[in-house]
Amino acid sequence: MCNLYSMTSNQEAMRRLFKFSSIKLNLPSLPAIFPGHDAPVVRRTGDGGRELVMVSWGFVLPQKDKAPKRVTNARADKLTQSPFWKGSFEERRCLVPATSFAEPKGKKPAVWHWFGMTGDEPRPLFAFAGLWRSWRGRLKDEFVEMDVMAIVTTTPNDVVKPIHPSRMPVIVDESDYDTWLTAAPDDALKLARPYPAEKMRIVHRGETKDDADAA
């Protein structure tokens, strides 16, 4: 499960990597993105291009006699089975830009371990596999209309497993961006696998819930 990540790259670096033609925001550095926060995603436009937009992290799951629940992660093995995810997986896949993600270990205090990519830069830019959809309804005592996203997860690799033994986000290689965004569901699903451990590292450890060294 991933419930905390960072995105601290500038927009020009994002434009070079993700090759979007349309941008609808002025993006600040985001060293700690939590469920319910607005975050950038790259998605297809109606004419087949790509755009960078802000959406809210967490699909909204209505609950009878309870407040709606935000669901931040979509298990890869549920994408074609669960009606909650299936339509978005088939029609509305996106890339979620990131520079690191965090998992805690221990309690009182928990130590947050921030995972990132190997490379020459302190925090190389990369992308999670994501899903998005539009949602409208009552949330926190007000009626809202918004676009939401969730991050796809899979089993962990050998870098993540010692800290979080059950799940890790699906990370998409640059060469596979177009496949995730546009290919048939069966081909896209092949990308929902653990990322090679040799391409990842722990970039920061600490008790604070932000990637402080990334800014």
N, C-alpha and C. Protein backbone atom coordinates (compact mmCIF):
# COMPACT_ATOMS: atom_id res chain seq x y z
N MET A 1 0.85 -1.19 0.00
CA MET A 1 0.00 0.00 0.00
C MET A 1 0.88 1.24 0.00
N CYS A 2 0.49 2.23 -0.77
CA CYS A 2 1.23 3.49 -0.80
C CYS A 2 0.27 4.61 -0.41
N ASN A 3 0.56 5.29 0.70
CA ASN A 3 -0.29 6.39 1.14
C ASN A 3 0.49 7.67 1.38
N LEU A 4 1.71 7.74 0.84
CA LEU A 4 2.51 8.96 0.98
C LEU A 4 3.60 8.94 -0.09
N TYR A 5 3.69 10.03 -0.85
CA TYR A 5 4.77 10.14 -1.83
C TYR A 5 5.11 11.61 -2.05
N SER A 6 6.15 11.87 -2.82
CA SER A 6 6.58 13.24 -3.10
C SER A 6 6.66 13.46 -4.60
N MET A 7 6.55 14.74 -4.99
CA MET A 7 6.74 15.13 -6.38
C MET A 7 7.38 16.51 -6.37
N THR A 8 8.71 16.55 -6.51
CA THR A 8 9.43 17.80 -6.33
C THR A 8 10.14 18.28 -7.60
N SER A 9 9.96 17.60 -8.72
CA SER A 9 10.56 18.05 -9.98
C SER A 9 9.84 19.28 -10.50
N ASN A 10 10.54 20.06 -11.32
CA ASN A 10 9.90 21.23 -11.92
C ASN A 10 9.13 20.84 -13.17
N GLN A 11 8.29 21.75 -13.64
CA GLN A 11 7.40 21.44 -14.75
C GLN A 11 8.15 21.20 -16.04
N GLU A 12 9.28 21.86 -16.25
CA GLU A 12 10.02 21.64 -17.48
C GLU A 12 10.60 20.23 -17.53
N ALA A 13 11.10 19.73 -16.40
CA ALA A 13 11.57 18.35 -16.35
C ALA A 13 10.43 17.38 -16.62
N MET A 14 9.26 17.69 -16.09
CA MET A 14 8.10 16.84 -16.32
C MET A 14 7.68 16.87 -17.79
N ARG A 15 7.74 18.04 -18.40
CA ARG A 15 7.36 18.14 -19.81
C ARG A 15 8.30 17.32 -20.70
N ARG A 16 9.60 17.36 -20.38
CA ARG A 16 10.57 16.60 -21.18
C ARG A 16 10.33 15.10 -21.05
N LEU A 17 10.03 14.63 -19.83
CA LEU A 17 9.86 13.19 -19.63
C LEU A 17 8.52 12.69 -20.14
N PHE A 18 7.45 13.41 -19.84
CA PHE A 18 6.11 12.90 -20.13
C PHE A 18 5.54 13.41 -21.45
N LYS A 19 6.19 14.41 -22.05
CA LYS A 19 5.82 14.88 -23.39
C LYS A 19 4.34 15.25 -23.50
N PHE A 20 3.84 15.99 -22.51
CA PHE A 20 2.47 16.47 -22.60
C PHE A 20 2.44 17.79 -23.36
N SER A 21 1.37 17.99 -24.09
CA SER A 21 1.24 19.21 -24.89
C SER A 21 0.39 20.25 -24.19
N SER A 22 -0.43 19.81 -23.24
CA SER A 22 -1.35 20.72 -22.56
C SER A 22 -1.05 20.72 -21.07
N ILE A 23 -1.03 21.91 -20.46
CA ILE A 23 -0.81 22.03 -19.03
C ILE A 23 -1.82 23.02 -18.45
N LYS A 24 -2.43 22.64 -17.35
CA LYS A 24 -3.51 23.44 -16.78
C LYS A 24 -3.23 23.83 -15.34
N LEU A 25 -1.95 24.02 -14.98
CA LEU A 25 -1.66 24.32 -13.59
C LEU A 25 -0.28 24.95 -13.46
N ASN A 26 -0.06 25.56 -12.31
CA ASN A 26 1.25 26.07 -11.92
C ASN A 26 1.70 25.23 -10.74
N LEU A 27 2.55 24.27 -10.97
CA LEU A 27 2.81 23.21 -10.00
C LEU A 27 3.89 23.59 -8.99
N PRO A 28 3.59 23.57 -7.69
CA PRO A 28 4.61 23.81 -6.67
C PRO A 28 5.37 22.52 -6.35
N SER A 29 6.45 22.63 -5.60
CA SER A 29 7.13 21.45 -5.09
C SER A 29 6.24 20.80 -4.03
N LEU A 30 6.12 19.48 -4.10
CA LEU A 30 5.22 18.74 -3.20
C LEU A 30 6.02 17.65 -2.48
N PRO A 31 6.66 17.97 -1.35
CA PRO A 31 7.48 16.98 -0.65
C PRO A 31 6.69 15.95 0.15
N ALA A 32 5.38 16.13 0.30
CA ALA A 32 4.56 15.16 1.03
C ALA A 32 3.13 15.21 0.50
N ILE A 33 2.75 14.20 -0.28
CA ILE A 33 1.41 14.11 -0.84
C ILE A 33 0.68 12.98 -0.11
N PHE A 34 -0.43 13.33 0.54
CA PHE A 34 -1.22 12.37 1.31
C PHE A 34 -2.55 12.10 0.62
N PRO A 35 -3.24 11.01 0.99
CA PRO A 35 -4.60 10.78 0.47
C PRO A 35 -5.50 11.99 0.68
N GLY A 36 -6.27 12.32 -0.33
CA GLY A 36 -7.13 13.49 -0.29
C GLY A 36 -6.48 14.76 -0.80
N HIS A 37 -5.16 14.77 -0.94
CA HIS A 37 -4.47 15.93 -1.49
C HIS A 37 -4.63 15.96 -3.01
N ASP A 38 -4.50 17.15 -3.57
CA ASP A 38 -4.44 17.29 -5.02
C ASP A 38 -3.03 16.96 -5.48
N ALA A 39 -2.94 16.28 -6.61
CA ALA A 39 -1.64 15.85 -7.14
C ALA A 39 -1.71 15.83 -8.66
N PRO A 40 -0.57 15.97 -9.34
CA PRO A 40 -0.58 15.97 -10.80
C PRO A 40 -0.63 14.57 -11.39
N VAL A 41 -1.33 14.44 -12.49
CA VAL A 41 -1.29 13.22 -13.29
C VAL A 41 -1.16 13.61 -14.76
N VAL A 42 -0.64 12.67 -15.54
CA VAL A 42 -0.57 12.82 -16.99
C VAL A 42 -1.57 11.84 -17.59
N ARG A 43 -2.46 12.35 -18.43
CA ARG A 43 -3.49 11.50 -19.02
C ARG A 43 -3.70 11.89 -20.49
N ARG A 44 -4.40 11.03 -21.20
CA ARG A 44 -4.69 11.28 -22.61
C ARG A 44 -5.72 12.38 -22.77
N THR A 45 -5.57 13.13 -23.84
CA THR A 45 -6.59 14.11 -24.21
C THR A 45 -7.49 13.51 -25.28
N GLY A 46 -8.57 14.20 -25.60
CA GLY A 46 -9.52 13.69 -26.59
C GLY A 46 -8.93 13.55 -27.97
N ASP A 47 -7.89 14.33 -28.29
CA ASP A 47 -7.28 14.25 -29.62
C ASP A 47 -6.07 13.33 -29.66
N GLY A 48 -5.86 12.55 -28.59
CA GLY A 48 -4.77 11.58 -28.58
C GLY A 48 -3.47 12.09 -27.99
N GLY A 49 -3.42 13.35 -27.54
CA GLY A 49 -2.22 13.88 -26.91
C GLY A 49 -2.18 13.56 -25.43
N ARG A 50 -1.34 14.29 -24.71
CA ARG A 50 -1.23 14.12 -23.26
C ARG A 50 -1.38 15.48 -22.58
N GLU A 51 -1.96 15.47 -21.39
CA GLU A 51 -2.09 16.69 -20.61
C GLU A 51 -1.69 16.42 -19.17
N LEU A 52 -1.20 17.48 -18.51
CA LEU A 52 -0.87 17.43 -17.10
C LEU A 52 -1.95 18.18 -16.34
N VAL A 53 -2.64 17.52 -15.41
CA VAL A 53 -3.72 18.14 -14.66
C VAL A 53 -3.61 17.74 -13.19
N MET A 54 -4.24 18.52 -12.34
CA MET A 54 -4.31 18.19 -10.92
C MET A 54 -5.61 17.45 -10.63
N VAL A 55 -5.52 16.38 -9.87
CA VAL A 55 -6.69 15.61 -9.45
C VAL A 55 -6.55 15.30 -7.97
N SER A 56 -7.60 14.81 -7.36
CA SER A 56 -7.59 14.47 -5.94
C SER A 56 -7.22 13.00 -5.76
N TRP A 57 -6.31 12.72 -4.82
CA TRP A 57 -5.84 11.35 -4.64
C TRP A 57 -6.83 10.55 -3.80
N GLY A 58 -7.42 9.56 -4.44
CA GLY A 58 -8.33 8.66 -3.78
C GLY A 58 -9.68 8.57 -4.47
N PHE A 59 -10.00 7.41 -5.05
CA PHE A 59 -11.35 7.16 -5.54
C PHE A 59 -12.31 7.25 -4.35
N VAL A 60 -13.55 7.61 -4.63
CA VAL A 60 -14.53 7.77 -3.57
C VAL A 60 -15.46 6.55 -3.56
N LEU A 61 -15.53 5.88 -2.44
CA LEU A 61 -16.38 4.70 -2.28
C LEU A 61 -17.52 5.05 -1.33
N PRO A 62 -18.75 5.22 -1.84
CA PRO A 62 -19.90 5.48 -0.96
C PRO A 62 -20.13 4.30 -0.03
N GLN A 63 -20.55 4.58 1.21
CA GLN A 63 -20.84 3.54 2.18
C GLN A 63 -22.21 3.81 2.81
N LYS A 64 -23.02 2.79 2.91
CA LYS A 64 -24.35 2.95 3.47
C LYS A 64 -24.28 3.37 4.93
N ASP A 65 -24.96 4.45 5.25
CA ASP A 65 -25.04 4.98 6.60
C ASP A 65 -23.68 5.41 7.16
N LYS A 66 -22.70 5.62 6.30
CA LYS A 66 -21.39 6.09 6.72
C LYS A 66 -20.89 7.13 5.74
N ALA A 67 -19.90 7.87 6.16
CA ALA A 67 -19.27 8.82 5.24
C ALA A 67 -18.54 8.06 4.13
N PRO A 68 -18.46 8.62 2.93
CA PRO A 68 -17.72 7.98 1.85
C PRO A 68 -16.27 7.72 2.25
N LYS A 69 -15.69 6.67 1.70
CA LYS A 69 -14.32 6.28 1.99
C LYS A 69 -13.44 6.59 0.78
N ARG A 70 -12.25 7.13 1.01
CA ARG A 70 -11.29 7.37 -0.07
C ARG A 70 -10.41 6.12 -0.23
N VAL A 71 -10.33 5.62 -1.44
CA VAL A 71 -9.55 4.42 -1.75
C VAL A 71 -8.38 4.86 -2.62
N THR A 72 -7.18 4.79 -2.09
CA THR A 72 -6.02 5.38 -2.75
C THR A 72 -5.27 4.42 -3.66
N ASN A 73 -5.38 3.12 -3.40
CA ASN A 73 -4.62 2.12 -4.14
C ASN A 73 -5.53 1.09 -4.80
N ALA A 74 -5.14 0.66 -5.99
CA ALA A 74 -5.88 -0.37 -6.72
C ALA A 74 -4.95 -1.57 -6.92
N ARG A 75 -5.29 -2.69 -6.35
CA ARG A 75 -4.47 -3.89 -6.51
C ARG A 75 -4.47 -4.32 -7.97
N ALA A 76 -3.30 -4.66 -8.49
CA ALA A 76 -3.20 -5.06 -9.89
C ALA A 76 -4.04 -6.30 -10.19
N ASP A 77 -4.15 -7.21 -9.21
CA ASP A 77 -4.90 -8.44 -9.46
C ASP A 77 -6.41 -8.23 -9.38
N LYS A 78 -6.85 -7.02 -9.08
CA LYS A 78 -8.29 -6.72 -9.04
C LYS A 78 -8.74 -5.85 -10.21
N LEU A 79 -7.84 -5.40 -11.05
CA LEU A 79 -8.17 -4.41 -12.07
C LEU A 79 -9.19 -4.90 -13.08
N THR A 80 -9.13 -6.17 -13.42
CA THR A 80 -10.06 -6.71 -14.42
C THR A 80 -11.25 -7.43 -13.78
N GLN A 81 -11.24 -7.54 -12.44
CA GLN A 81 -12.29 -8.29 -11.75
C GLN A 81 -13.28 -7.39 -11.00
N SER A 82 -12.78 -6.37 -10.36
CA SER A 82 -13.63 -5.53 -9.51
C SER A 82 -14.35 -4.48 -10.34
N PRO A 83 -15.68 -4.40 -10.25
CA PRO A 83 -16.40 -3.32 -10.95
C PRO A 83 -15.98 -1.93 -10.52
N PHE A 84 -15.42 -1.83 -9.32
CA PHE A 84 -14.98 -0.53 -8.81
C PHE A 84 -13.81 0.02 -9.64
N TRP A 85 -12.96 -0.89 -10.16
CA TRP A 85 -11.78 -0.49 -10.90
C TRP A 85 -11.86 -0.74 -12.40
N LYS A 86 -12.65 -1.71 -12.81
CA LYS A 86 -12.56 -2.23 -14.18
C LYS A 86 -12.75 -1.16 -15.25
N GLY A 87 -13.78 -0.32 -15.12
CA GLY A 87 -14.04 0.68 -16.15
C GLY A 87 -12.90 1.67 -16.28
N SER A 88 -12.34 2.10 -15.16
CA SER A 88 -11.22 3.04 -15.21
C SER A 88 -9.98 2.38 -15.79
N PHE A 89 -9.74 1.13 -15.44
CA PHE A 89 -8.58 0.44 -16.00
C PHE A 89 -8.71 0.29 -17.52
N GLU A 90 -9.88 0.01 -17.99
CA GLU A 90 -10.07 -0.18 -19.42
C GLU A 90 -10.05 1.13 -20.20
N GLU A 91 -10.48 2.23 -19.58
CA GLU A 91 -10.70 3.46 -20.35
C GLU A 91 -9.95 4.69 -19.83
N ARG A 92 -9.50 4.68 -18.58
CA ARG A 92 -8.96 5.92 -17.99
C ARG A 92 -7.69 5.64 -17.18
N ARG A 93 -6.67 5.19 -17.85
CA ARG A 93 -5.37 5.01 -17.19
C ARG A 93 -4.58 6.31 -17.26
N CYS A 94 -3.72 6.53 -16.28
CA CYS A 94 -2.90 7.74 -16.24
C CYS A 94 -1.54 7.41 -15.66
N LEU A 95 -0.62 8.35 -15.78
CA LEU A 95 0.69 8.28 -15.14
C LEU A 95 0.71 9.27 -13.99
N VAL A 96 1.26 8.85 -12.86
CA VAL A 96 1.32 9.69 -11.67
C VAL A 96 2.78 10.07 -11.42
N PRO A 97 3.20 11.29 -11.77
CA PRO A 97 4.59 11.70 -11.57
C PRO A 97 4.98 11.69 -10.09
N ALA A 98 6.20 11.25 -9.82
CA ALA A 98 6.68 11.16 -8.45
C ALA A 98 8.20 11.28 -8.42
N THR A 99 8.73 11.63 -7.28
CA THR A 99 10.18 11.61 -7.08
C THR A 99 10.59 10.67 -5.94
N SER A 100 9.64 10.23 -5.12
CA SER A 100 9.90 9.22 -4.09
C SER A 100 8.57 8.79 -3.50
N PHE A 101 8.56 7.65 -2.81
CA PHE A 101 7.38 7.25 -2.04
C PHE A 101 7.85 6.65 -0.73
N ALA A 102 6.96 6.65 0.26
CA ALA A 102 7.36 6.32 1.63
C ALA A 102 6.55 5.18 2.21
N GLU A 103 7.22 4.40 3.04
CA GLU A 103 6.57 3.38 3.87
C GLU A 103 7.19 3.45 5.26
N PRO A 104 6.37 3.30 6.32
CA PRO A 104 6.91 3.36 7.68
C PRO A 104 7.38 2.00 8.18
N LYS A 105 8.31 2.02 9.12
CA LYS A 105 8.72 0.80 9.81
C LYS A 105 8.85 1.11 11.29
N GLY A 106 8.25 0.25 12.11
CA GLY A 106 8.30 0.47 13.55
C GLY A 106 7.19 1.39 14.01
N LYS A 107 7.12 1.59 15.33
CA LYS A 107 6.10 2.45 15.93
C LYS A 107 6.72 3.25 17.08
N LYS A 108 6.14 4.42 17.29
CA LYS A 108 6.44 5.28 18.45
C LYS A 108 7.94 5.48 18.68
N PRO A 109 8.69 6.08 17.77
CA PRO A 109 8.18 6.64 16.51
C PRO A 109 8.40 5.68 15.34
N ALA A 110 7.57 5.81 14.32
CA ALA A 110 7.80 5.10 13.08
C ALA A 110 8.91 5.81 12.30
N VAL A 111 9.72 5.04 11.63
CA VAL A 111 10.75 5.60 10.76
C VAL A 111 10.26 5.47 9.32
N TRP A 112 10.14 6.61 8.65
CA TRP A 112 9.66 6.62 7.27
C TRP A 112 10.84 6.40 6.33
N HIS A 113 10.69 5.39 5.49
CA HIS A 113 11.69 5.06 4.49
C HIS A 113 11.19 5.54 3.13
N TRP A 114 11.97 6.41 2.50
CA TRP A 114 11.59 6.98 1.21
C TRP A 114 12.36 6.28 0.09
N PHE A 115 11.61 5.77 -0.87
CA PHE A 115 12.18 5.01 -1.98
C PHE A 115 12.19 5.85 -3.25
N GLY A 116 13.28 5.77 -3.99
CA GLY A 116 13.39 6.49 -5.25
C GLY A 116 14.19 5.69 -6.26
N MET A 117 14.49 6.33 -7.38
CA MET A 117 15.23 5.69 -8.45
C MET A 117 16.73 5.90 -8.28
N THR A 118 17.52 5.01 -8.84
CA THR A 118 18.95 5.23 -8.96
C THR A 118 19.19 6.24 -10.08
N GLY A 119 20.36 6.86 -10.09
CA GLY A 119 20.68 7.83 -11.13
C GLY A 119 21.59 8.92 -10.60
N ASP A 120 21.95 9.84 -11.47
CA ASP A 120 22.87 10.91 -11.11
C ASP A 120 22.21 11.99 -10.25
N GLU A 121 20.91 12.19 -10.41
CA GLU A 121 20.21 13.22 -9.66
C GLU A 121 19.80 12.69 -8.29
N PRO A 122 19.66 13.57 -7.29
CA PRO A 122 19.23 13.11 -5.96
C PRO A 122 17.85 12.46 -5.97
N ARG A 123 16.91 13.00 -6.78
CA ARG A 123 15.56 12.47 -6.85
C ARG A 123 15.11 12.40 -8.32
N PRO A 124 15.56 11.39 -9.07
CA PRO A 124 15.12 11.28 -10.46
C PRO A 124 13.59 11.16 -10.55
N LEU A 125 13.04 11.81 -11.53
CA LEU A 125 11.60 11.79 -11.77
C LEU A 125 11.19 10.44 -12.35
N PHE A 126 10.04 9.91 -11.91
CA PHE A 126 9.52 8.66 -12.44
C PHE A 126 8.00 8.72 -12.40
N ALA A 127 7.34 7.60 -12.70
CA ALA A 127 5.87 7.61 -12.74
C ALA A 127 5.30 6.30 -12.21
N PHE A 128 4.25 6.44 -11.38
CA PHE A 128 3.43 5.30 -10.99
C PHE A 128 2.39 5.03 -12.08
N ALA A 129 1.94 3.81 -12.16
CA ALA A 129 0.75 3.49 -12.95
C ALA A 129 -0.47 3.92 -12.17
N GLY A 130 -1.35 4.70 -12.81
CA GLY A 130 -2.53 5.20 -12.12
C GLY A 130 -3.80 5.01 -12.92
N LEU A 131 -4.91 5.20 -12.24
CA LEU A 131 -6.25 5.22 -12.83
C LEU A 131 -6.91 6.52 -12.42
N TRP A 132 -7.82 7.02 -13.26
CA TRP A 132 -8.54 8.23 -12.88
C TRP A 132 -10.00 8.10 -13.30
N ARG A 133 -10.84 8.94 -12.71
CA ARG A 133 -12.24 9.03 -13.09
C ARG A 133 -12.81 10.34 -12.56
N SER A 134 -13.94 10.74 -13.09
CA SER A 134 -14.66 11.90 -12.55
C SER A 134 -15.67 11.40 -11.53
N TRP A 135 -15.87 12.19 -10.47
CA TRP A 135 -16.79 11.80 -9.41
C TRP A 135 -17.58 13.02 -8.97
N ARG A 136 -18.82 12.79 -8.68
CA ARG A 136 -19.66 13.86 -8.13
C ARG A 136 -20.54 13.27 -7.05
N GLY A 137 -20.68 14.03 -5.97
CA GLY A 137 -21.49 13.57 -4.85
C GLY A 137 -21.15 14.34 -3.59
N ARG A 138 -21.68 13.88 -2.46
CA ARG A 138 -21.48 14.59 -1.20
C ARG A 138 -20.25 14.03 -0.50
N LEU A 139 -19.36 14.95 -0.10
CA LEU A 139 -18.14 14.58 0.57
C LEU A 139 -17.85 15.65 1.62
N LYS A 140 -17.69 15.20 2.86
CA LYS A 140 -17.45 16.14 3.97
C LYS A 140 -18.52 17.24 4.02
N ASP A 141 -19.78 16.82 3.95
CA ASP A 141 -20.94 17.70 4.12
C ASP A 141 -21.09 18.74 3.02
N GLU A 142 -20.50 18.51 1.87
CA GLU A 142 -20.73 19.40 0.75
C GLU A 142 -20.74 18.60 -0.55
N PHE A 143 -21.49 19.13 -1.53
CA PHE A 143 -21.56 18.48 -2.83
C PHE A 143 -20.36 18.92 -3.66
N VAL A 144 -19.63 17.94 -4.22
CA VAL A 144 -18.43 18.27 -4.99
C VAL A 144 -18.45 17.54 -6.33
N GLU A 145 -17.80 18.13 -7.29
CA GLU A 145 -17.51 17.49 -8.58
C GLU A 145 -16.01 17.58 -8.78
N MET A 146 -15.36 16.45 -8.98
CA MET A 146 -13.91 16.46 -9.08
C MET A 146 -13.41 15.22 -9.82
N ASP A 147 -12.20 15.32 -10.35
CA ASP A 147 -11.51 14.16 -10.89
C ASP A 147 -10.64 13.57 -9.79
N VAL A 148 -10.60 12.25 -9.72
CA VAL A 148 -9.85 11.55 -8.68
C VAL A 148 -8.93 10.52 -9.33
N MET A 149 -7.92 10.10 -8.60
CA MET A 149 -7.00 9.08 -9.11
C MET A 149 -6.66 8.08 -8.02
N ALA A 150 -6.17 6.92 -8.44
CA ALA A 150 -5.65 5.90 -7.54
C ALA A 150 -4.37 5.34 -8.15
N ILE A 151 -3.48 4.85 -7.31
CA ILE A 151 -2.20 4.28 -7.73
C ILE A 151 -2.32 2.76 -7.72
N VAL A 152 -1.87 2.13 -8.79
CA VAL A 152 -1.92 0.67 -8.90
C VAL A 152 -0.76 0.07 -8.10
N THR A 153 -1.02 -1.01 -7.37
CA THR A 153 0.01 -1.66 -6.56
C THR A 153 0.19 -3.12 -6.97
N THR A 154 1.36 -3.64 -6.64
CA THR A 154 1.71 -5.03 -6.93
C THR A 154 2.54 -5.58 -5.77
N THR A 155 3.08 -6.76 -5.93
CA THR A 155 3.94 -7.34 -4.88
C THR A 155 5.27 -6.58 -4.85
N PRO A 156 5.93 -6.52 -3.68
CA PRO A 156 7.14 -5.70 -3.56
C PRO A 156 8.38 -6.39 -4.11
N ASN A 157 9.35 -5.58 -4.51
CA ASN A 157 10.65 -6.11 -4.90
C ASN A 157 11.56 -6.20 -3.66
N ASP A 158 12.82 -6.56 -3.87
CA ASP A 158 13.70 -6.82 -2.74
C ASP A 158 14.15 -5.54 -2.02
N VAL A 159 13.96 -4.38 -2.62
CA VAL A 159 14.28 -3.12 -1.94
C VAL A 159 13.16 -2.74 -0.97
N VAL A 160 11.92 -2.89 -1.43
CA VAL A 160 10.77 -2.48 -0.63
C VAL A 160 10.36 -3.53 0.40
N LYS A 161 10.53 -4.79 0.07
CA LYS A 161 10.00 -5.88 0.90
C LYS A 161 10.46 -5.84 2.36
N PRO A 162 11.71 -5.52 2.69
CA PRO A 162 12.09 -5.49 4.11
C PRO A 162 11.34 -4.43 4.92
N ILE A 163 10.84 -3.40 4.26
CA ILE A 163 10.11 -2.34 4.95
C ILE A 163 8.60 -2.57 4.86
N HIS A 164 8.12 -2.95 3.68
CA HIS A 164 6.70 -3.20 3.48
C HIS A 164 6.56 -4.51 2.71
N PRO A 165 6.31 -5.62 3.40
CA PRO A 165 6.40 -6.94 2.77
C PRO A 165 5.24 -7.34 1.88
N SER A 166 4.18 -6.53 1.80
CA SER A 166 3.00 -6.99 1.05
C SER A 166 2.80 -6.30 -0.29
N ARG A 167 3.01 -4.97 -0.39
CA ARG A 167 2.69 -4.26 -1.63
C ARG A 167 3.72 -3.16 -1.92
N MET A 168 3.77 -2.76 -3.19
CA MET A 168 4.51 -1.58 -3.61
C MET A 168 3.78 -0.99 -4.82
N PRO A 169 3.97 0.30 -5.10
CA PRO A 169 3.34 0.89 -6.29
C PRO A 169 3.92 0.29 -7.56
N VAL A 170 3.10 0.19 -8.58
CA VAL A 170 3.58 -0.18 -9.91
C VAL A 170 4.28 1.03 -10.51
N ILE A 171 5.54 0.87 -10.89
CA ILE A 171 6.33 1.93 -11.51
C ILE A 171 6.48 1.60 -12.99
N VAL A 172 6.23 2.58 -13.84
CA VAL A 172 6.22 2.37 -15.29
C VAL A 172 7.49 2.97 -15.90
N ASP A 173 8.23 2.17 -16.66
CA ASP A 173 9.39 2.67 -17.38
C ASP A 173 8.97 3.67 -18.45
N GLU A 174 9.85 4.63 -18.75
CA GLU A 174 9.55 5.63 -19.77
C GLU A 174 9.18 4.98 -21.10
N SER A 175 9.83 3.89 -21.45
CA SER A 175 9.55 3.23 -22.73
C SER A 175 8.15 2.61 -22.77
N ASP A 176 7.53 2.47 -21.61
CA ASP A 176 6.20 1.85 -21.53
C ASP A 176 5.08 2.86 -21.27
N TYR A 177 5.39 4.14 -21.24
CA TYR A 177 4.35 5.13 -20.95
C TYR A 177 3.19 5.03 -21.92
N ASP A 178 3.50 4.96 -23.21
CA ASP A 178 2.42 4.93 -24.19
C ASP A 178 1.60 3.65 -24.06
N THR A 179 2.25 2.55 -23.75
CA THR A 179 1.52 1.29 -23.56
C THR A 179 0.53 1.41 -22.41
N TRP A 180 0.99 1.97 -21.28
CA TRP A 180 0.08 2.10 -20.14
C TRP A 180 -1.09 3.03 -20.47
N LEU A 181 -0.84 4.09 -21.18
CA LEU A 181 -1.89 5.07 -21.45
C LEU A 181 -2.85 4.63 -22.54
N THR A 182 -2.37 3.90 -23.54
CA THR A 182 -3.19 3.70 -24.74
C THR A 182 -3.44 2.27 -25.16
N ALA A 183 -2.67 1.31 -24.66
CA ALA A 183 -2.78 -0.06 -25.17
C ALA A 183 -4.04 -0.75 -24.67
N ALA A 184 -4.33 -1.88 -25.26
CA ALA A 184 -5.45 -2.71 -24.82
C ALA A 184 -5.20 -3.14 -23.37
N PRO A 185 -6.27 -3.36 -22.61
CA PRO A 185 -6.11 -3.73 -21.20
C PRO A 185 -5.17 -4.91 -20.96
N ASP A 186 -5.24 -5.94 -21.78
CA ASP A 186 -4.37 -7.10 -21.57
C ASP A 186 -2.90 -6.74 -21.67
N ASP A 187 -2.57 -5.85 -22.61
CA ASP A 187 -1.17 -5.43 -22.76
C ASP A 187 -0.75 -4.52 -21.62
N ALA A 188 -1.64 -3.62 -21.21
CA ALA A 188 -1.32 -2.73 -20.09
C ALA A 188 -1.12 -3.53 -18.80
N LEU A 189 -1.92 -4.56 -18.60
CA LEU A 189 -1.84 -5.34 -17.37
C LEU A 189 -0.48 -6.02 -17.21
N LYS A 190 0.19 -6.31 -18.31
CA LYS A 190 1.51 -6.94 -18.24
C LYS A 190 2.54 -6.03 -17.57
N LEU A 191 2.27 -4.73 -17.53
CA LEU A 191 3.19 -3.78 -16.89
C LEU A 191 3.01 -3.72 -15.38
N ALA A 192 1.95 -4.30 -14.87
CA ALA A 192 1.64 -4.23 -13.44
C ALA A 192 2.41 -5.29 -12.68
N ARG A 193 3.72 -5.05 -12.57
CA ARG A 193 4.65 -6.01 -11.97
C ARG A 193 5.64 -5.26 -11.09
N PRO A 194 6.35 -5.98 -10.21
CA PRO A 194 7.34 -5.30 -9.37
C PRO A 194 8.44 -4.65 -10.23
N TYR A 195 8.85 -3.46 -9.83
CA TYR A 195 9.91 -2.77 -10.57
C TYR A 195 11.26 -3.39 -10.21
N PRO A 196 12.19 -3.47 -11.18
CA PRO A 196 13.49 -4.10 -10.90
C PRO A 196 14.19 -3.45 -9.69
N ALA A 197 14.58 -4.27 -8.74
CA ALA A 197 15.17 -3.76 -7.51
C ALA A 197 16.48 -3.02 -7.76
N GLU A 198 17.23 -3.43 -8.77
CA GLU A 198 18.52 -2.79 -9.02
C GLU A 198 18.38 -1.35 -9.53
N LYS A 199 17.18 -0.95 -9.91
CA LYS A 199 16.95 0.42 -10.39
C LYS A 199 16.42 1.33 -9.28
N MET A 200 16.31 0.80 -8.06
CA MET A 200 15.74 1.58 -6.96
C MET A 200 16.69 1.64 -5.77
N ARG A 201 16.45 2.61 -4.88
CA ARG A 201 17.24 2.74 -3.66
C ARG A 201 16.42 3.48 -2.60
N ILE A 202 16.82 3.37 -1.36
CA ILE A 202 16.26 4.18 -0.29
C ILE A 202 16.98 5.53 -0.31
N VAL A 203 16.23 6.60 -0.51
CA VAL A 203 16.84 7.92 -0.67
C VAL A 203 16.81 8.75 0.62
N HIS A 204 16.00 8.34 1.59
CA HIS A 204 15.89 9.13 2.82
C HIS A 204 15.21 8.28 3.89
N ARG A 205 15.65 8.47 5.14
CA ARG A 205 14.99 7.86 6.30
C ARG A 205 14.79 8.94 7.34
N GLY A 206 13.65 8.88 8.03
CA GLY A 206 13.43 9.87 9.07
C GLY A 206 12.08 9.72 9.72
N GLU A 207 11.85 10.48 10.79
CA GLU A 207 10.59 10.41 11.52
C GLU A 207 9.56 11.38 10.98
N THR A 208 10.00 12.37 10.18
CA THR A 208 9.05 13.33 9.63
C THR A 208 8.38 12.76 8.38
N LYS A 209 7.14 13.16 8.18
CA LYS A 209 6.37 12.63 7.07
C LYS A 209 6.48 13.51 5.82
N ASP A 210 7.70 13.85 5.45
CA ASP A 210 7.93 14.49 4.17
C ASP A 210 9.36 14.16 3.75
N ASP A 211 9.57 14.17 2.44
CA ASP A 211 10.90 13.87 1.91
C ASP A 211 11.71 15.16 1.98
N ALA A 212 12.21 15.46 3.17
CA ALA A 212 12.79 16.76 3.44
C ALA A 212 14.00 17.09 2.57
N ASP A 213 14.76 16.08 2.19
CA ASP A 213 15.95 16.33 1.39
C ASP A 213 15.68 16.50 -0.08
N ALA A 214 14.41 16.36 -0.47
CA ALA A 214 14.08 16.38 -1.90
C ALA A 214 13.87 17.78 -2.44
N ALA A 215 13.51 18.73 -1.58
CA ALA A 215 13.17 20.06 -2.07
C ALA A 215 14.40 20.78 -2.62
